[in-house]
């Protein structure tokens, strides 16, 4: 998992609206941990049932490849995004959220005086 375990939650938190930011990142972490638990349990069951058979690892590998294949097929159905759309969304979210705080921090009367 490596860098994905750091990058994805940060990316989700940056793009999610403030009201649901914690829920989105929490669901992401819950999905990851649930998937790891399911893989462990399924592999433990296969290990117990097949025991010391020679091809047990192949069965484990095939079973774990099923969710990856489902993700691949699902991603083929995803609509194409416009080039640069994620940076555009991030920029527009930041500019909308920063404007009110910037206007409160520097009132118009003070900004005109300091510019002169």
PDB file of N, CA and C in Angstrom:
ATOM      1  N   UNK A   1       0.842  -1.187   0.000  1.00  0.00           N
ATOM      2  CA  UNK A   1       0.000   0.000   0.000  1.00  0.00           C
ATOM      3  C   UNK A   1       0.883   1.244   0.000  1.00  0.00           C
ATOM      4  N   UNK A   2       1.800   1.365   0.851  1.00  0.00           N
ATOM      5  CA  UNK A   2       2.779   2.437   0.812  1.00  0.00           C
ATOM      6  C   UNK A   2       2.212   3.839   0.714  1.00  0.00           C
ATOM      7  N   UNK A   3       2.587   4.537  -0.342  1.00  0.00           N
ATOM      8  CA  UNK A   3       2.218   5.943  -0.504  1.00  0.00           C
ATOM      9  C   UNK A   3       0.716   6.126  -0.676  1.00  0.00           C
ATOM     10  N   UNK A   4       0.020   5.122  -1.221  1.00  0.00           N
ATOM     11  CA  UNK A   4      -1.422   5.245  -1.425  1.00  0.00           C
ATOM     12  C   UNK A   4      -2.164   5.420  -0.095  1.00  0.00           C
ATOM     13  N   UNK A   5      -1.638   4.822   0.976  1.00  0.00           N
ATOM     14  CA  UNK A   5      -2.300   4.953   2.270  1.00  0.00           C
ATOM     15  C   UNK A   5      -2.167   6.358   2.847  1.00  0.00           C
ATOM     16  N   UNK A   6      -1.264   7.156   2.292  1.00  0.00           N
ATOM     17  CA  UNK A   6      -1.114   8.548   2.728  1.00  0.00           C
ATOM     18  C   UNK A   6      -1.773   9.494   1.729  1.00  0.00           C
ATOM     19  N   UNK A   7      -1.567   9.248   0.460  1.00  0.00           N
ATOM     20  CA  UNK A   7      -2.024  10.176  -0.576  1.00  0.00           C
ATOM     21  C   UNK A   7      -3.545  10.174  -0.715  1.00  0.00           C
ATOM     22  N   UNK A   8      -4.162   8.994  -0.729  1.00  0.00           N
ATOM     23  CA  UNK A   8      -5.604   8.919  -0.978  1.00  0.00           C
ATOM     24  C   UNK A   8      -6.417   9.620   0.115  1.00  0.00           C
ATOM     25  N   UNK A   9      -6.176   9.385   1.410  1.00  0.00           N
ATOM     26  CA  UNK A   9      -6.964  10.124   2.408  1.00  0.00           C
ATOM     27  C   UNK A   9      -6.775  11.639   2.322  1.00  0.00           C
ATOM     28  N   UNK A  10      -5.579  12.095   2.017  1.00  0.00           N
ATOM     29  CA  UNK A  10      -5.345  13.531   1.886  1.00  0.00           C
ATOM     30  C   UNK A  10      -6.104  14.079   0.681  1.00  0.00           C
ATOM     31  N   UNK A  11      -6.065  13.359  -0.438  1.00  0.00           N
ATOM     32  CA  UNK A  11      -6.787  13.773  -1.646  1.00  0.00           C
ATOM     33  C   UNK A  11      -8.292  13.829  -1.379  1.00  0.00           C
ATOM     34  N   UNK A  12      -8.817  12.799  -0.711  1.00  0.00           N
ATOM     35  CA  UNK A  12     -10.244  12.786  -0.390  1.00  0.00           C
ATOM     36  C   UNK A  12     -10.614  13.941   0.532  1.00  0.00           C
ATOM     37  N   UNK A  13      -9.785  14.198   1.519  1.00  0.00           N
ATOM     38  CA  UNK A  13     -10.074  15.277   2.462  1.00  0.00           C
ATOM     39  C   UNK A  13     -10.010  16.639   1.785  1.00  0.00           C
ATOM     40  N   UNK A  14      -9.118  16.809   0.812  1.00  0.00           N
ATOM     41  CA  UNK A  14      -9.014  18.091   0.117  1.00  0.00           C
ATOM     42  C   UNK A  14     -10.223  18.353  -0.767  1.00  0.00           C
ATOM     43  N   UNK A  15     -10.756  17.319  -1.394  1.00  0.00           N
ATOM     44  CA  UNK A  15     -11.853  17.514  -2.337  1.00  0.00           C
ATOM     45  C   UNK A  15     -13.234  17.412  -1.702  1.00  0.00           C
ATOM     46  N   UNK A  16     -13.331  16.793  -0.539  1.00  0.00           N
ATOM     47  CA  UNK A  16     -14.636  16.607   0.099  1.00  0.00           C
ATOM     48  C   UNK A  16     -15.125  17.911   0.712  1.00  0.00           C
ATOM     49  N   UNK A  17     -16.442  18.135   0.656  1.00  0.00           N
ATOM     50  CA  UNK A  17     -16.990  19.307   1.354  1.00  0.00           C
ATOM     51  C   UNK A  17     -16.740  19.194   2.857  1.00  0.00           C
ATOM     52  N   UNK A  18     -16.648  20.326   3.510  1.00  0.00           N
ATOM     53  CA  UNK A  18     -16.307  20.380   4.926  1.00  0.00           C
ATOM     54  C   UNK A  18     -17.259  19.543   5.784  1.00  0.00           C
ATOM     55  N   UNK A  19     -18.538  19.533   5.435  1.00  0.00           N
ATOM     56  CA  UNK A  19     -19.537  18.845   6.251  1.00  0.00           C
ATOM     57  C   UNK A  19     -19.346  17.335   6.276  1.00  0.00           C
ATOM     58  N   UNK A  20     -18.818  16.744   5.190  1.00  0.00           N
ATOM     59  CA  UNK A  20     -18.698  15.291   5.118  1.00  0.00           C
ATOM     60  C   UNK A  20     -17.253  14.823   5.017  1.00  0.00           C
ATOM     61  N   UNK A  21     -16.305  15.700   5.254  1.00  0.00           N
ATOM     62  CA  UNK A  21     -14.886  15.356   5.105  1.00  0.00           C
ATOM     63  C   UNK A  21     -14.480  14.190   5.999  1.00  0.00           C
ATOM     64  N   UNK A  22     -14.834  14.224   7.252  1.00  0.00           N
ATOM     65  CA  UNK A  22     -14.472  13.146   8.170  1.00  0.00           C
ATOM     66  C   UNK A  22     -15.143  11.840   7.820  1.00  0.00           C
ATOM     67  N   UNK A  23     -16.398  11.910   7.379  1.00  0.00           N
ATOM     68  CA  UNK A  23     -17.120  10.700   7.008  1.00  0.00           C
ATOM     69  C   UNK A  23     -16.478  10.040   5.793  1.00  0.00           C
ATOM     70  N   UNK A  24     -16.070  10.830   4.812  1.00  0.00           N
ATOM     71  CA  UNK A  24     -15.465  10.287   3.598  1.00  0.00           C
ATOM     72  C   UNK A  24     -14.135   9.603   3.921  1.00  0.00           C
ATOM     73  N   UNK A  25     -13.278  10.272   4.662  1.00  0.00           N
ATOM     74  CA  UNK A  25     -11.981   9.665   4.987  1.00  0.00           C
ATOM     75  C   UNK A  25     -12.153   8.470   5.922  1.00  0.00           C
ATOM     76  N   UNK A  26     -13.116   8.533   6.813  1.00  0.00           N
ATOM     77  CA  UNK A  26     -13.388   7.403   7.699  1.00  0.00           C
ATOM     78  C   UNK A  26     -13.883   6.183   6.942  1.00  0.00           C
ATOM     79  N   UNK A  27     -14.760   6.405   5.970  1.00  0.00           N
ATOM     80  CA  UNK A  27     -15.241   5.292   5.149  1.00  0.00           C
ATOM     81  C   UNK A  27     -14.108   4.687   4.329  1.00  0.00           C
ATOM     82  N   UNK A  28     -13.216   5.509   3.848  1.00  0.00           N
ATOM     83  CA  UNK A  28     -12.075   4.997   3.095  1.00  0.00           C
ATOM     84  C   UNK A  28     -11.228   4.074   3.967  1.00  0.00           C
ATOM     85  N   UNK A  29     -10.915   4.522   5.169  1.00  0.00           N
ATOM     86  CA  UNK A  29     -10.106   3.704   6.070  1.00  0.00           C
ATOM     87  C   UNK A  29     -10.843   2.428   6.470  1.00  0.00           C
ATOM     88  N   UNK A  30     -12.156   2.531   6.708  1.00  0.00           N
ATOM     89  CA  UNK A  30     -12.947   1.363   7.068  1.00  0.00           C
ATOM     90  C   UNK A  30     -12.979   0.354   5.922  1.00  0.00           C
ATOM     91  N   UNK A  31     -13.083   0.830   4.685  1.00  0.00           N
ATOM     92  CA  UNK A  31     -13.079  -0.067   3.530  1.00  0.00           C
ATOM     93  C   UNK A  31     -11.745  -0.788   3.403  1.00  0.00           C
ATOM     94  N   UNK A  32     -10.653  -0.085   3.636  1.00  0.00           N
ATOM     95  CA  UNK A  32      -9.326  -0.704   3.544  1.00  0.00           C
ATOM     96  C   UNK A  32      -9.166  -1.788   4.601  1.00  0.00           C
ATOM     97  N   UNK A  33      -9.500  -1.471   5.837  1.00  0.00           N
ATOM     98  CA  UNK A  33      -9.328  -2.432   6.928  1.00  0.00           C
ATOM     99  C   UNK A  33     -10.279  -3.617   6.766  1.00  0.00           C
ATOM    100  N   UNK A  34     -11.507  -3.367   6.308  1.00  0.00           N
ATOM    101  CA  UNK A  34     -12.462  -4.461   6.076  1.00  0.00           C
ATOM    102  C   UNK A  34     -11.959  -5.397   4.980  1.00  0.00           C
ATOM    103  N   UNK A  35     -11.392  -4.838   3.929  1.00  0.00           N
ATOM    104  CA  UNK A  35     -10.834  -5.656   2.857  1.00  0.00           C
ATOM    105  C   UNK A  35      -9.666  -6.499   3.329  1.00  0.00           C
ATOM    106  N   UNK A  36      -8.811  -5.928   4.162  1.00  0.00           N
ATOM    107  CA  UNK A  36      -7.685  -6.694   4.705  1.00  0.00           C
ATOM    108  C   UNK A  36      -8.171  -7.833   5.600  1.00  0.00           C
ATOM    109  N   UNK A  37      -9.185  -7.546   6.423  1.00  0.00           N
ATOM    110  CA  UNK A  37      -9.741  -8.581   7.295  1.00  0.00           C
ATOM    111  C   UNK A  37     -10.381  -9.692   6.473  1.00  0.00           C
ATOM    112  N   UNK A  38     -11.147  -9.322   5.447  1.00  0.00           N
ATOM    113  CA  UNK A  38     -11.795 -10.331   4.604  1.00  0.00           C
ATOM    114  C   UNK A  38     -10.755 -11.202   3.899  1.00  0.00           C
ATOM    115  N   UNK A  39      -9.695 -10.591   3.388  1.00  0.00           N
ATOM    116  CA  UNK A  39      -8.643 -11.362   2.719  1.00  0.00           C
ATOM    117  C   UNK A  39      -7.973 -12.328   3.692  1.00  0.00           C
ATOM    118  N   UNK A  40      -7.715 -11.863   4.900  1.00  0.00           N
ATOM    119  CA  UNK A  40      -7.090 -12.729   5.901  1.00  0.00           C
ATOM    120  C   UNK A  40      -7.997 -13.909   6.244  1.00  0.00           C
ATOM    121  N   UNK A  41      -9.277 -13.644   6.479  1.00  0.00           N
ATOM    122  CA  UNK A  41     -10.216 -14.703   6.863  1.00  0.00           C
ATOM    123  C   UNK A  41     -10.367 -15.715   5.731  1.00  0.00           C
ATOM    124  N   UNK A  42     -10.529 -15.233   4.505  1.00  0.00           N
ATOM    125  CA  UNK A  42     -10.690 -16.146   3.366  1.00  0.00           C
ATOM    126  C   UNK A  42      -9.435 -16.988   3.174  1.00  0.00           C
ATOM    127  N   UNK A  43      -8.264 -16.366   3.265  1.00  0.00           N
ATOM    128  CA  UNK A  43      -7.028 -17.129   3.126  1.00  0.00           C
ATOM    129  C   UNK A  43      -6.842 -18.126   4.264  1.00  0.00           C
ATOM    130  N   UNK A  44      -7.271 -17.787   5.476  1.00  0.00           N
ATOM    131  CA  UNK A  44      -7.183 -18.719   6.596  1.00  0.00           C
ATOM    132  C   UNK A  44      -8.102 -19.919   6.371  1.00  0.00           C
ATOM    133  N   UNK A  45      -9.305 -19.659   5.864  1.00  0.00           N
ATOM    134  CA  UNK A  45     -10.236 -20.758   5.579  1.00  0.00           C
ATOM    135  C   UNK A  45      -9.672 -21.669   4.488  1.00  0.00           C
ATOM    136  N   UNK A  46      -9.138 -21.062   3.428  1.00  0.00           N
ATOM    137  CA  UNK A  46      -8.537 -21.865   2.353  1.00  0.00           C
ATOM    138  C   UNK A  46      -7.355 -22.663   2.887  1.00  0.00           C
ATOM    139  N   UNK A  47      -6.541 -22.063   3.731  1.00  0.00           N
ATOM    140  CA  UNK A  47      -5.400 -22.769   4.319  1.00  0.00           C
ATOM    141  C   UNK A  47      -5.825 -23.943   5.170  1.00  0.00           C
ATOM    142  N   UNK A  48      -6.922 -23.794   5.908  1.00  0.00           N
ATOM    143  CA  UNK A  48      -7.412 -24.883   6.760  1.00  0.00           C
ATOM    144  C   UNK A  48      -8.013 -25.992   5.899  1.00  0.00           C
ATOM    145  N   UNK A  49      -8.804 -25.617   4.887  1.00  0.00           N
ATOM    146  CA  UNK A  49      -9.480 -26.612   4.057  1.00  0.00           C
ATOM    147  C   UNK A  49      -8.489 -27.369   3.179  1.00  0.00           C
ATOM    148  N   UNK A  50      -7.617 -26.651   2.488  1.00  0.00           N
ATOM    149  CA  UNK A  50      -6.682 -27.299   1.569  1.00  0.00           C
ATOM    150  C   UNK A  50      -5.436 -27.821   2.270  1.00  0.00           C
ATOM    151  N   UNK A  51      -5.155 -27.298   3.449  1.00  0.00           N
ATOM    152  CA  UNK A  51      -4.016 -27.787   4.225  1.00  0.00           C
ATOM    153  C   UNK A  51      -2.695 -27.617   3.511  1.00  0.00           C
ATOM    154  N   UNK A  52      -1.958 -28.680   3.419  1.00  0.00           N
ATOM    155  CA  UNK A  52      -0.612 -28.638   2.839  1.00  0.00           C
ATOM    156  C   UNK A  52      -0.588 -29.020   1.362  1.00  0.00           C
ATOM    157  N   UNK A  53      -1.688 -28.883   0.685  1.00  0.00           N
ATOM    158  CA  UNK A  53      -1.689 -29.212  -0.745  1.00  0.00           C
ATOM    159  C   UNK A  53      -0.781 -28.257  -1.498  1.00  0.00           C
ATOM    160  N   UNK A  54      -0.267 -28.738  -2.611  1.00  0.00           N
ATOM    161  CA  UNK A  54       0.734 -27.987  -3.348  1.00  0.00           C
ATOM    162  C   UNK A  54       0.187 -26.721  -4.009  1.00  0.00           C
ATOM    163  N   UNK A  55      -1.047 -26.711  -4.470  1.00  0.00           N
ATOM    164  CA  UNK A  55      -1.581 -25.566  -5.205  1.00  0.00           C
ATOM    165  C   UNK A  55      -2.443 -24.635  -4.368  1.00  0.00           C
ATOM    166  N   UNK A  56      -2.332 -24.692  -3.056  1.00  0.00           N
ATOM    167  CA  UNK A  56      -3.185 -23.859  -2.198  1.00  0.00           C
ATOM    168  C   UNK A  56      -2.926 -22.371  -2.432  1.00  0.00           C
ATOM    169  N   UNK A  57      -1.690 -22.009  -2.676  1.00  0.00           N
ATOM    170  CA  UNK A  57      -1.371 -20.599  -2.890  1.00  0.00           C
ATOM    171  C   UNK A  57      -2.014 -20.075  -4.166  1.00  0.00           C
ATOM    172  N   UNK A  58      -2.173 -20.959  -5.170  1.00  0.00           N
ATOM    173  CA  UNK A  58      -2.813 -20.525  -6.415  1.00  0.00           C
ATOM    174  C   UNK A  58      -4.282 -20.195  -6.188  1.00  0.00           C
ATOM    175  N   UNK A  59      -4.944 -20.992  -5.366  1.00  0.00           N
ATOM    176  CA  UNK A  59      -6.351 -20.731  -5.047  1.00  0.00           C
ATOM    177  C   UNK A  59      -6.466 -19.414  -4.290  1.00  0.00           C
ATOM    178  N   UNK A  60      -5.586 -19.191  -3.323  1.00  0.00           N
ATOM    179  CA  UNK A  60      -5.595 -17.942  -2.555  1.00  0.00           C
ATOM    180  C   UNK A  60      -5.375 -16.737  -3.473  1.00  0.00           C
ATOM    181  N   UNK A  61      -4.438 -16.869  -4.382  1.00  0.00           N
ATOM    182  CA  UNK A  61      -4.146 -15.778  -5.314  1.00  0.00           C
ATOM    183  C   UNK A  61      -5.337 -15.496  -6.216  1.00  0.00           C
ATOM    184  N   UNK A  62      -5.983 -16.550  -6.731  1.00  0.00           N
ATOM    185  CA  UNK A  62      -7.137 -16.369  -7.608  1.00  0.00           C
ATOM    186  C   UNK A  62      -8.292 -15.706  -6.867  1.00  0.00           C
ATOM    187  N   UNK A  63      -8.574 -16.140  -5.666  1.00  0.00           N
ATOM    188  CA  UNK A  63      -9.669 -15.563  -4.874  1.00  0.00           C
ATOM    189  C   UNK A  63      -9.404 -14.076  -4.611  1.00  0.00           C
ATOM    190  N   UNK A  64      -8.167 -13.722  -4.294  1.00  0.00           N
ATOM    191  CA  UNK A  64      -7.829 -12.321  -4.025  1.00  0.00           C
ATOM    192  C   UNK A  64      -7.815 -11.475  -5.293  1.00  0.00           C
ATOM    193  N   UNK A  65      -7.706 -12.113  -6.457  1.00  0.00           N
ATOM    194  CA  UNK A  65      -7.720 -11.365  -7.722  1.00  0.00           C
ATOM    195  C   UNK A  65      -9.136 -11.015  -8.164  1.00  0.00           C
ATOM    196  N   UNK A  66     -10.145 -11.646  -7.602  1.00  0.00           N
ATOM    197  CA  UNK A  66     -11.536 -11.384  -8.007  1.00  0.00           C
ATOM    198  C   UNK A  66     -11.941  -9.934  -7.723  1.00  0.00           C
ATOM    199  N   UNK A  67     -11.701  -9.366  -6.522  1.00  0.00           N
ATOM    200  CA  UNK A  67     -12.049  -7.955  -6.314  1.00  0.00           C
ATOM    201  C   UNK A  67     -11.285  -7.004  -7.237  1.00  0.00           C
ATOM    202  N   UNK A  68     -10.034  -7.333  -7.544  1.00  0.00           N
ATOM    203  CA  UNK A  68      -9.259  -6.488  -8.455  1.00  0.00           C
ATOM    204  C   UNK A  68      -9.866  -6.510  -9.859  1.00  0.00           C
ATOM    205  N   UNK A  69     -10.308  -7.670 -10.295  1.00  0.00           N
ATOM    206  CA  UNK A  69     -10.958  -7.771 -11.610  1.00  0.00           C
ATOM    207  C   UNK A  69     -12.279  -7.006 -11.613  1.00  0.00           C
ATOM    208  N   UNK A  70     -13.032  -7.090 -10.517  1.00  0.00           N
ATOM    209  CA  UNK A  70     -14.289  -6.338 -10.426  1.00  0.00           C
ATOM    210  C   UNK A  70     -14.028  -4.834 -10.467  1.00  0.00           C
ATOM    211  N   UNK A  71     -12.978  -4.378  -9.798  1.00  0.00           N
ATOM    212  CA  UNK A  71     -12.617  -2.965  -9.839  1.00  0.00           C
ATOM    213  C   UNK A  71     -12.230  -2.549 -11.247  1.00  0.00           C
ATOM    214  N   UNK A  72     -11.462  -3.380 -11.941  1.00  0.00           N
ATOM    215  CA  UNK A  72     -11.057  -3.072 -13.309  1.00  0.00           C
ATOM    216  C   UNK A  72     -12.273  -2.939 -14.221  1.00  0.00           C
ATOM    217  N   UNK A  73     -13.213  -3.853 -14.119  1.00  0.00           N
ATOM    218  CA  UNK A  73     -14.425  -3.788 -14.944  1.00  0.00           C
ATOM    219  C   UNK A  73     -15.251  -2.567 -14.572  1.00  0.00           C
ATOM    220  N   UNK A  74     -15.346  -2.274 -13.292  1.00  0.00           N
ATOM    221  CA  UNK A  74     -16.092  -1.086 -12.860  1.00  0.00           C
ATOM    222  C   UNK A  74     -15.460   0.208 -13.341  1.00  0.00           C
ATOM    223  N   UNK A  75     -14.131   0.258 -13.361  1.00  0.00           N
ATOM    224  CA  UNK A  75     -13.444   1.464 -13.827  1.00  0.00           C
ATOM    225  C   UNK A  75     -13.615   1.673 -15.326  1.00  0.00           C
ATOM    226  N   UNK A  76     -13.823   0.614 -16.071  1.00  0.00           N
ATOM    227  CA  UNK A  76     -14.092   0.758 -17.502  1.00  0.00           C
ATOM    228  C   UNK A  76     -15.414   1.472 -17.748  1.00  0.00           C
ATOM    229  N   UNK A  77     -16.336   1.363 -16.802  1.00  0.00           N
ATOM    230  CA  UNK A  77     -17.648   2.008 -16.933  1.00  0.00           C
ATOM    231  C   UNK A  77     -17.655   3.453 -16.446  1.00  0.00           C
ATOM    232  N   UNK A  78     -16.572   3.876 -15.788  1.00  0.00           N
ATOM    233  CA  UNK A  78     -16.504   5.253 -15.290  1.00  0.00           C
ATOM    234  C   UNK A  78     -16.408   6.227 -16.450  1.00  0.00           C
ATOM    235  N   UNK A  79     -17.098   7.361 -16.357  1.00  0.00           N
ATOM    236  CA  UNK A  79     -16.986   8.345 -17.434  1.00  0.00           C
ATOM    237  C   UNK A  79     -15.612   9.011 -17.422  1.00  0.00           C
ATOM    238  N   UNK A  80     -15.165   9.419 -18.593  1.00  0.00           N
ATOM    239  CA  UNK A  80     -13.884  10.116 -18.716  1.00  0.00           C
ATOM    240  C   UNK A  80     -13.994  11.482 -18.055  1.00  0.00           C
ATOM    241  N   UNK A  81     -12.931  11.907 -17.413  1.00  0.00           N
ATOM    242  CA  UNK A  81     -12.920  13.241 -16.835  1.00  0.00           C
ATOM    243  C   UNK A  81     -12.166  14.168 -17.774  1.00  0.00           C
ATOM    244  N   UNK A  82     -12.480  15.451 -17.693  1.00  0.00           N
ATOM    245  CA  UNK A  82     -11.774  16.424 -18.533  1.00  0.00           C
ATOM    246  C   UNK A  82     -10.349  16.567 -18.028  1.00  0.00           C
ATOM    247  N   UNK A  83      -9.470  16.925 -18.934  1.00  0.00           N
ATOM    248  CA  UNK A  83      -8.070  17.121 -18.549  1.00  0.00           C
ATOM    249  C   UNK A  83      -7.968  18.298 -17.582  1.00  0.00           C
ATOM    250  N   UNK A  84      -7.303  18.079 -16.477  1.00  0.00           N
ATOM    251  CA  UNK A  84      -7.104  19.143 -15.501  1.00  0.00           C
ATOM    252  C   UNK A  84      -8.311  19.424 -14.630  1.00  0.00           C
ATOM    253  N   UNK A  85      -9.336  18.563 -14.671  1.00  0.00           N
ATOM    254  CA  UNK A  85     -10.542  18.854 -13.915  1.00  0.00           C
ATOM    255  C   UNK A  85     -10.313  18.802 -12.415  1.00  0.00           C
ATOM    256  N   UNK A  86      -9.445  17.912 -11.944  1.00  0.00           N
ATOM    257  CA  UNK A  86      -9.233  17.834 -10.502  1.00  0.00           C
ATOM    258  C   UNK A  86      -8.550  19.089  -9.977  1.00  0.00           C
ATOM    259  N   UNK A  87      -7.601  19.628 -10.723  1.00  0.00           N
ATOM    260  CA  UNK A  87      -6.957  20.851 -10.259  1.00  0.00           C
ATOM    261  C   UNK A  87      -7.913  22.032 -10.347  1.00  0.00           C
ATOM    262  N   UNK A  88      -8.801  22.015 -11.341  1.00  0.00           N
ATOM    263  CA  UNK A  88      -9.797  23.080 -11.455  1.00  0.00           C
ATOM    264  C   UNK A  88     -10.759  23.040 -10.285  1.00  0.00           C
ATOM    265  N   UNK A  89     -11.193  21.847  -9.910  1.00  0.00           N
ATOM    266  CA  UNK A  89     -12.109  21.705  -8.779  1.00  0.00           C
ATOM    267  C   UNK A  89     -11.420  22.149  -7.503  1.00  0.00           C
ATOM    268  N   UNK A  90     -10.202  21.719  -7.293  1.00  0.00           N
ATOM    269  CA  UNK A  90      -9.470  22.101  -6.087  1.00  0.00           C
ATOM    270  C   UNK A  90      -9.283  23.605  -6.017  1.00  0.00           C
ATOM    271  N   UNK A  91      -8.933  24.218  -7.127  1.00  0.00           N
ATOM    272  CA  UNK A  91      -8.727  25.660  -7.154  1.00  0.00           C
ATOM    273  C   UNK A  91     -10.022  26.397  -6.864  1.00  0.00           C
ATOM    274  N   UNK A  92     -11.140  25.933  -7.464  1.00  0.00           N
ATOM    275  CA  UNK A  92     -12.403  26.627  -7.239  1.00  0.00           C
ATOM    276  C   UNK A  92     -12.890  26.445  -5.813  1.00  0.00           C
ATOM    277  N   UNK A  93     -12.662  25.270  -5.226  1.00  0.00           N
ATOM    278  CA  UNK A  93     -13.057  25.051  -3.836  1.00  0.00           C
ATOM    279  C   UNK A  93     -12.241  25.941  -2.916  1.00  0.00           C
ATOM    280  N   UNK A  94     -10.942  26.014  -3.148  1.00  0.00           N
ATOM    281  CA  UNK A  94     -10.095  26.853  -2.300  1.00  0.00           C
ATOM    282  C   UNK A  94     -10.440  28.327  -2.456  1.00  0.00           C
ATOM    283  N   UNK A  95     -10.707  28.768  -3.679  1.00  0.00           N
ATOM    284  CA  UNK A  95     -10.986  30.186  -3.860  1.00  0.00           C
ATOM    285  C   UNK A  95     -12.322  30.563  -3.231  1.00  0.00           C
ATOM    286  N   UNK A  96     -13.315  29.663  -3.311  1.00  0.00           N
ATOM    287  CA  UNK A  96     -14.606  29.950  -2.688  1.00  0.00           C
ATOM    288  C   UNK A  96     -14.498  29.964  -1.174  1.00  0.00           C
ATOM    289  N   UNK A  97     -13.746  29.030  -0.610  1.00  0.00           N
ATOM    290  CA  UNK A  97     -13.666  28.952   0.846  1.00  0.00           C
ATOM    291  C   UNK A  97     -12.744  30.015   1.429  1.00  0.00           C
ATOM    292  N   UNK A  98     -11.804  30.543   0.658  1.00  0.00           N
ATOM    293  CA  UNK A  98     -10.866  31.509   1.210  1.00  0.00           C
ATOM    294  C   UNK A  98     -11.351  32.950   1.076  1.00  0.00           C
ATOM    295  N   UNK A  99     -12.261  33.217   0.197  1.00  0.00           N
ATOM    296  CA  UNK A  99     -12.720  34.595   0.009  1.00  0.00           C
ATOM    297  C   UNK A  99     -13.371  35.203   1.241  1.00  0.00           C
ATOM    298  N   UNK A 100     -14.324  34.522   1.878  1.00  0.00           N
ATOM    299  CA  UNK A 100     -14.948  35.159   3.053  1.00  0.00           C
ATOM    300  C   UNK A 100     -13.957  35.429   4.174  1.00  0.00           C
ATOM    301  N   UNK A 101     -13.035  34.508   4.418  1.00  0.00           N
ATOM    302  CA  UNK A 101     -12.088  34.731   5.509  1.00  0.00           C
ATOM    303  C   UNK A 101     -11.115  35.854   5.169  1.00  0.00           C
ATOM    304  N   UNK A 102     -10.748  35.986   3.911  1.00  0.00           N
ATOM    305  CA  UNK A 102      -9.839  37.062   3.513  1.00  0.00           C
ATOM    306  C   UNK A 102     -10.524  38.421   3.648  1.00  0.00           C
ATOM    307  N   UNK A 103     -11.802  38.489   3.333  1.00  0.00           N
ATOM    308  CA  UNK A 103     -12.496  39.773   3.455  1.00  0.00           C
ATOM    309  C   UNK A 103     -12.739  40.132   4.912  1.00  0.00           C
ATOM    310  N   UNK A 104     -12.887  39.127   5.774  1.00  0.00           N
ATOM    311  CA  UNK A 104     -13.052  39.423   7.191  1.00  0.00           C
ATOM    312  C   UNK A 104     -11.734  39.831   7.829  1.00  0.00           C
ATOM    313  N   UNK A 105     -10.646  39.270   7.377  1.00  0.00           N
ATOM    314  CA  UNK A 105      -9.347  39.563   7.979  1.00  0.00           C
ATOM    315  C   UNK A 105      -8.868  40.968   7.637  1.00  0.00           C
ATOM    316  N   UNK A 106      -9.130  41.412   6.428  1.00  0.00           N
ATOM    317  CA  UNK A 106      -8.693  42.736   5.995  1.00  0.00           C
ATOM    318  C   UNK A 106      -9.920  43.504   5.501  1.00  0.00           C
ATOM    319  N   UNK A 107     -10.493  44.361   6.332  1.00  0.00           N
ATOM    320  CA  UNK A 107     -11.644  45.140   5.880  1.00  0.00           C
ATOM    321  C   UNK A 107     -11.257  46.045   4.706  1.00  0.00           C
ATOM    322  N   UNK A 108     -12.231  46.400   3.906  1.00  0.00           N
ATOM    323  CA  UNK A 108     -11.959  47.202   2.720  1.00  0.00           C
ATOM    324  C   UNK A 108     -11.328  48.550   3.057  1.00  0.00           C
ATOM    325  N   UNK A 109     -11.757  49.160   4.133  1.00  0.00           N
ATOM    326  CA  UNK A 109     -11.201  50.469   4.482  1.00  0.00           C
ATOM    327  C   UNK A 109      -9.709  50.374   4.807  1.00  0.00           C
ATOM    328  N   UNK A 110      -9.293  49.293   5.495  1.00  0.00           N
ATOM    329  CA  UNK A 110      -7.874  49.125   5.816  1.00  0.00           C
ATOM    330  C   UNK A 110      -7.047  48.757   4.600  1.00  0.00           C
ATOM    331  N   UNK A 111      -7.624  48.000   3.679  1.00  0.00           N
ATOM    332  CA  UNK A 111      -6.849  47.569   2.517  1.00  0.00           C
ATOM    333  C   UNK A 111      -6.542  48.772   1.604  1.00  0.00           C
ATOM    334  N   UNK A 112      -7.443  49.738   1.534  1.00  0.00           N
ATOM    335  CA  UNK A 112      -7.190  50.916   0.697  1.00  0.00           C
ATOM    336  C   UNK A 112      -6.107  51.804   1.314  1.00  0.00           C
ATOM    337  N   UNK A 113      -6.100  51.903   2.631  1.00  0.00           N
ATOM    338  CA  UNK A 113      -5.105  52.728   3.288  1.00  0.00           C
ATOM    339  C   UNK A 113      -3.704  52.149   3.147  1.00  0.00           C
ATOM    340  N   UNK A 114      -3.606  50.804   3.278  1.00  0.00           N
ATOM    341  CA  UNK A 114      -2.280  50.184   3.225  1.00  0.00           C
ATOM    342  C   UNK A 114      -1.723  50.191   1.808  1.00  0.00           C
ATOM    343  N   UNK A 115      -2.578  50.231   0.814  1.00  0.00           N
ATOM    344  CA  UNK A 115      -2.109  50.238  -0.580  1.00  0.00           C
ATOM    345  C   UNK A 115      -1.571  51.620  -0.966  1.00  0.00           C
ATOM    346  N   UNK A 116      -2.004  52.649  -0.289  1.00  0.00           N
ATOM    347  CA  UNK A 116      -1.588  54.000  -0.669  1.00  0.00           C
ATOM    348  C   UNK A 116      -0.249  54.392  -0.158  1.00  0.00           C
TER     349      UNK A 116
END
